[in-house]
N, C-alpha and C. Protein backbone atom coordinates (compact mmCIF):
# COMPACT_ATOMS: atom_id res chain seq x y z
N MET A 1 0.83 -1.38 0.05
CA MET A 1 -0.29 0.27 -0.02
C MET A 1 0.59 1.13 -0.05
N ILE A 2 0.37 2.66 -0.94
CA ILE A 2 1.67 3.51 -1.01
C ILE A 2 0.24 4.44 -0.86
N SER A 3 0.65 6.14 -0.95
CA SER A 3 0.03 6.80 -0.78
C SER A 3 0.91 8.10 -1.30
N ARG A 4 0.32 9.26 -1.35
CA ARG A 4 0.86 10.37 -2.47
C ARG A 4 0.05 11.60 -2.11
N ASN A 5 0.30 12.58 -1.89
CA ASN A 5 -0.62 13.78 -1.49
C ASN A 5 -0.42 14.68 -2.98
N VAL A 6 -1.68 15.02 -3.14
CA VAL A 6 -1.52 15.88 -4.60
C VAL A 6 -2.57 17.37 -4.12
N ASN A 7 -2.06 18.39 -4.65
CA ASN A 7 -2.67 19.49 -4.43
C ASN A 7 -3.71 19.68 -5.79
N ILE A 8 -4.75 20.04 -5.44
CA ILE A 8 -5.92 20.37 -6.46
C ILE A 8 -5.31 21.70 -7.21
N VAL A 9 -5.52 21.50 -8.47
CA VAL A 9 -5.17 22.93 -9.39
C VAL A 9 -6.25 23.40 -10.13
N ASN A 10 -6.69 22.61 -10.53
CA ASN A 10 -8.13 22.92 -11.59
C ASN A 10 -9.04 24.16 -10.50
N SER A 11 -9.52 25.17 -11.22
CA SER A 11 -10.24 26.14 -10.94
C SER A 11 -11.73 25.40 -10.54
N VAL A 12 -12.30 24.47 -10.84
CA VAL A 12 -13.81 23.98 -10.01
C VAL A 12 -13.14 22.59 -9.19
N GLY A 13 -11.86 22.14 -8.75
CA GLY A 13 -12.00 21.33 -8.29
C GLY A 13 -12.33 19.90 -8.73
N LEU A 14 -12.94 18.73 -7.97
CA LEU A 14 -13.39 17.72 -8.07
C LEU A 14 -14.55 17.64 -8.02
N HIS A 15 -15.29 18.52 -9.15
CA HIS A 15 -16.61 18.16 -9.10
C HIS A 15 -17.37 17.88 -10.99
N ALA A 16 -18.02 17.15 -10.98
CA ALA A 16 -18.85 17.19 -12.35
C ALA A 16 -17.91 16.04 -13.17
N ARG A 17 -17.46 16.96 -14.13
CA ARG A 17 -16.68 16.83 -15.42
C ARG A 17 -15.32 16.46 -14.80
N PRO A 18 -14.54 17.24 -13.93
CA PRO A 18 -13.25 16.80 -13.76
C PRO A 18 -13.35 15.32 -13.04
N ALA A 19 -14.37 15.03 -12.03
CA ALA A 19 -14.40 13.80 -10.80
C ALA A 19 -14.96 13.01 -11.72
N THR A 20 -15.58 12.96 -13.15
CA THR A 20 -15.78 11.86 -14.26
C THR A 20 -14.48 11.32 -14.62
N PHE A 21 -13.90 12.34 -14.87
CA PHE A 21 -12.26 11.81 -15.58
C PHE A 21 -11.55 11.16 -14.73
N PHE A 22 -11.77 11.41 -13.56
CA PHE A 22 -10.87 10.76 -12.43
C PHE A 22 -11.55 9.49 -12.12
N ILE A 23 -12.40 9.36 -11.72
CA ILE A 23 -12.92 7.98 -11.82
C ILE A 23 -12.73 7.02 -12.73
N GLN A 24 -13.16 7.72 -14.35
CA GLN A 24 -12.31 6.62 -15.01
C GLN A 24 -11.08 6.09 -15.23
N LYS A 25 -10.42 7.36 -14.97
CA LYS A 25 -9.01 6.76 -14.78
C LYS A 25 -8.79 5.91 -13.67
N ALA A 26 -9.24 5.87 -12.66
CA ALA A 26 -9.28 5.02 -11.52
C ALA A 26 -9.54 4.01 -11.64
N ASN A 27 -10.83 3.90 -12.82
CA ASN A 27 -11.22 2.33 -13.08
C ASN A 27 -10.47 1.54 -13.96
N SER A 28 -9.08 2.46 -14.53
CA SER A 28 -8.62 1.60 -15.47
C SER A 28 -7.54 1.02 -14.70
N TYR A 29 -7.25 1.14 -13.42
CA TYR A 29 -6.57 0.12 -13.01
C TYR A 29 -6.89 -0.73 -11.86
N LYS A 30 -5.92 -2.02 -12.05
CA LYS A 30 -6.52 -3.05 -10.88
C LYS A 30 -6.58 -2.99 -9.28
N SER A 31 -5.66 -2.24 -9.11
CA SER A 31 -5.67 -1.80 -7.50
C SER A 31 -7.07 -1.13 -6.97
N SER A 32 -7.00 -1.36 -5.80
CA SER A 32 -7.87 0.02 -4.75
C SER A 32 -7.49 0.65 -4.75
N ILE A 33 -8.21 1.69 -5.06
CA ILE A 33 -7.97 3.15 -4.80
C ILE A 33 -9.01 3.99 -3.75
N TRP A 34 -8.33 4.94 -2.89
CA TRP A 34 -9.08 5.52 -2.04
C TRP A 34 -8.42 7.09 -2.23
N VAL A 35 -9.21 8.04 -1.96
CA VAL A 35 -9.03 9.21 -1.81
C VAL A 35 -9.10 9.77 -0.29
N GLU A 36 -8.43 10.55 0.29
CA GLU A 36 -8.72 10.97 1.49
C GLU A 36 -8.31 12.43 1.79
N ASN A 37 -9.41 13.12 2.07
CA ASN A 37 -9.35 14.54 2.78
C ASN A 37 -9.80 14.75 3.81
N GLU A 38 -9.02 15.28 4.74
CA GLU A 38 -9.04 15.46 6.15
C GLU A 38 -9.38 14.09 6.87
N ASP A 39 -10.33 13.75 7.64
CA ASP A 39 -10.84 12.47 8.27
C ASP A 39 -11.56 11.74 7.31
N ARG A 40 -11.62 11.79 6.02
CA ARG A 40 -12.75 11.19 5.18
C ARG A 40 -11.84 10.52 4.46
N ARG A 41 -12.40 9.33 4.10
CA ARG A 41 -11.63 8.20 2.90
C ARG A 41 -12.75 7.77 2.04
N VAL A 42 -12.45 7.77 0.63
CA VAL A 42 -13.97 7.21 -0.26
C VAL A 42 -13.22 6.47 -1.35
N ASN A 43 -13.62 5.89 -1.62
CA ASN A 43 -13.67 4.85 -2.93
C ASN A 43 -13.38 5.76 -4.05
N ALA A 44 -12.07 5.67 -4.74
CA ALA A 44 -11.66 6.58 -5.85
C ALA A 44 -12.43 6.22 -6.96
N LYS A 45 -13.11 5.04 -7.04
CA LYS A 45 -13.80 4.58 -8.08
C LYS A 45 -15.38 4.62 -8.39
N SER A 46 -15.84 5.24 -7.08
CA SER A 46 -17.05 5.77 -6.98
C SER A 46 -17.37 7.32 -6.80
N LEU A 47 -18.13 7.62 -7.84
CA LEU A 47 -18.54 8.93 -8.25
C LEU A 47 -19.12 9.71 -7.23
N LEU A 48 -19.92 9.02 -6.63
CA LEU A 48 -20.89 9.67 -5.53
C LEU A 48 -19.89 9.84 -4.17
N GLY A 49 -19.02 8.86 -4.20
CA GLY A 49 -17.85 9.25 -3.07
C GLY A 49 -16.81 10.37 -2.91
N VAL A 50 -16.49 10.30 -4.24
CA VAL A 50 -15.58 11.37 -4.56
C VAL A 50 -16.21 12.81 -4.69
N LEU A 51 -17.36 12.83 -5.11
CA LEU A 51 -18.26 14.12 -4.94
C LEU A 51 -18.46 14.55 -3.70
N SER A 52 -18.82 13.38 -2.26
CA SER A 52 -19.05 13.96 -1.31
C SER A 52 -18.35 14.34 -0.67
N LEU A 53 -16.97 14.20 -0.99
CA LEU A 53 -15.76 15.06 -0.26
C LEU A 53 -15.95 16.53 -0.43
N GLY A 54 -16.40 17.00 -1.46
CA GLY A 54 -16.28 18.54 -1.93
C GLY A 54 -15.02 18.99 -1.99
N ILE A 55 -14.26 18.25 -2.94
CA ILE A 55 -12.68 18.77 -3.14
C ILE A 55 -12.79 20.08 -4.22
N VAL A 56 -12.24 21.28 -3.52
CA VAL A 56 -12.27 22.61 -4.44
C VAL A 56 -10.86 22.91 -4.68
N LYS A 57 -10.45 24.07 -5.49
CA LYS A 57 -9.08 24.12 -5.78
C LYS A 57 -8.36 24.77 -4.62
N GLY A 58 -7.31 24.44 -4.65
CA GLY A 58 -6.52 24.66 -3.12
C GLY A 58 -6.12 23.52 -2.35
N MET A 59 -7.16 22.68 -2.41
CA MET A 59 -6.93 21.69 -1.23
C MET A 59 -6.18 20.44 -1.62
N THR A 60 -5.74 20.06 -0.77
CA THR A 60 -4.47 18.89 -0.72
C THR A 60 -5.22 17.50 -0.78
N ILE A 61 -5.31 16.45 -1.11
CA ILE A 61 -5.76 15.20 -1.13
C ILE A 61 -4.87 14.34 -0.85
N THR A 62 -5.11 13.37 -0.41
CA THR A 62 -4.29 11.99 -0.32
C THR A 62 -4.77 10.72 -1.15
N LEU A 63 -4.00 10.34 -2.06
CA LEU A 63 -4.48 9.21 -2.82
C LEU A 63 -3.60 8.21 -2.32
N ILE A 64 -4.57 7.00 -2.05
CA ILE A 64 -4.01 5.84 -1.45
C ILE A 64 -4.25 4.47 -2.51
N ALA A 65 -3.32 3.71 -3.18
CA ALA A 65 -3.58 2.67 -3.42
C ALA A 65 -3.07 1.30 -3.44
N ASP A 66 -3.73 0.00 -3.21
CA ASP A 66 -3.16 -0.98 -2.81
C ASP A 66 -3.50 -2.01 -4.09
N GLY A 67 -2.16 -2.52 -4.30
CA GLY A 67 -2.81 -3.43 -5.46
C GLY A 67 -1.50 -4.26 -6.10
N PRO A 68 -1.74 -4.43 -7.61
CA PRO A 68 -0.49 -5.20 -8.35
C PRO A 68 0.13 -3.66 -9.27
N ASP A 69 -0.96 -2.45 -9.81
CA ASP A 69 -0.22 -1.82 -10.53
C ASP A 69 -0.52 -0.27 -9.31
N GLU A 70 -0.52 -0.49 -8.19
CA GLU A 70 -0.37 0.67 -7.14
C GLU A 70 0.35 2.08 -7.55
N ALA A 71 1.92 1.69 -7.92
CA ALA A 71 2.41 2.93 -8.28
C ALA A 71 1.80 3.70 -9.84
N ASP A 72 1.71 2.91 -10.40
CA ASP A 72 1.05 3.34 -12.01
C ASP A 72 -0.10 3.97 -11.35
N ALA A 73 -0.74 3.21 -10.62
CA ALA A 73 -1.89 4.30 -10.42
C ALA A 73 -2.13 5.66 -9.91
N LEU A 74 -1.15 5.78 -8.56
CA LEU A 74 -0.86 6.99 -8.22
C LEU A 74 -0.23 7.72 -9.28
N ALA A 75 0.50 7.63 -9.90
CA ALA A 75 1.56 8.71 -10.87
C ALA A 75 0.42 8.94 -11.71
N GLY A 76 -0.43 7.93 -12.26
CA GLY A 76 -1.44 8.12 -13.78
C GLY A 76 -2.48 9.48 -13.22
N LEU A 77 -3.13 9.09 -11.70
CA LEU A 77 -4.19 9.83 -11.23
C LEU A 77 -3.66 11.54 -10.62
N ALA A 78 -2.15 11.15 -10.22
CA ALA A 78 -2.03 12.67 -9.96
C ALA A 78 -1.56 13.34 -11.10
N ASP A 79 -0.85 12.75 -12.07
CA ASP A 79 -0.80 13.76 -13.41
C ASP A 79 -1.58 14.12 -13.63
N LEU A 80 -2.95 13.47 -13.90
CA LEU A 80 -4.07 13.97 -14.18
C LEU A 80 -4.50 15.06 -13.49
N ILE A 81 -4.76 15.04 -12.01
CA ILE A 81 -4.74 15.92 -11.52
C ILE A 81 -3.92 17.34 -11.28
N LEU A 82 -2.73 16.76 -11.79
CA LEU A 82 -1.80 18.16 -11.75
C LEU A 82 -1.70 18.79 -13.15
N SER A 83 -2.31 17.99 -14.22
CA SER A 83 -2.47 18.83 -15.66
C SER A 83 -3.61 19.57 -15.18
N GLY A 84 -4.41 19.59 -14.73
CA GLY A 84 -5.82 20.38 -14.52
C GLY A 84 -6.83 19.29 -15.32
N PHE A 85 -6.66 18.21 -15.37
CA PHE A 85 -7.82 17.45 -15.88
C PHE A 85 -7.63 17.87 -17.40
N GLN A 86 -6.32 18.41 -17.79
CA GLN A 86 -6.45 18.07 -19.51
C GLN A 86 -5.70 17.12 -20.00
N ASP A 87 -5.66 15.76 -19.49
CA ASP A 87 -5.11 14.29 -19.81
C ASP A 87 -5.85 14.29 -21.12
């Protein structure tokens, strides 16, 4: 199990469209992936879960992955977030 902190840089955070891109990317990996914000952790492959965190620009979230492609999963999701969802 590995984790990585990522700062949200896009203007709307993880809402609607960016969250959909994030979920699709998360679902492309075999590993279990979670998003953690403050004291809440949700399944990164669940749109409702991710939206429920209310993640906005400037927040730092923790991505956690456990599985056969965990390093690739965290790298891919972090790159997506840091590109402002331009991937």
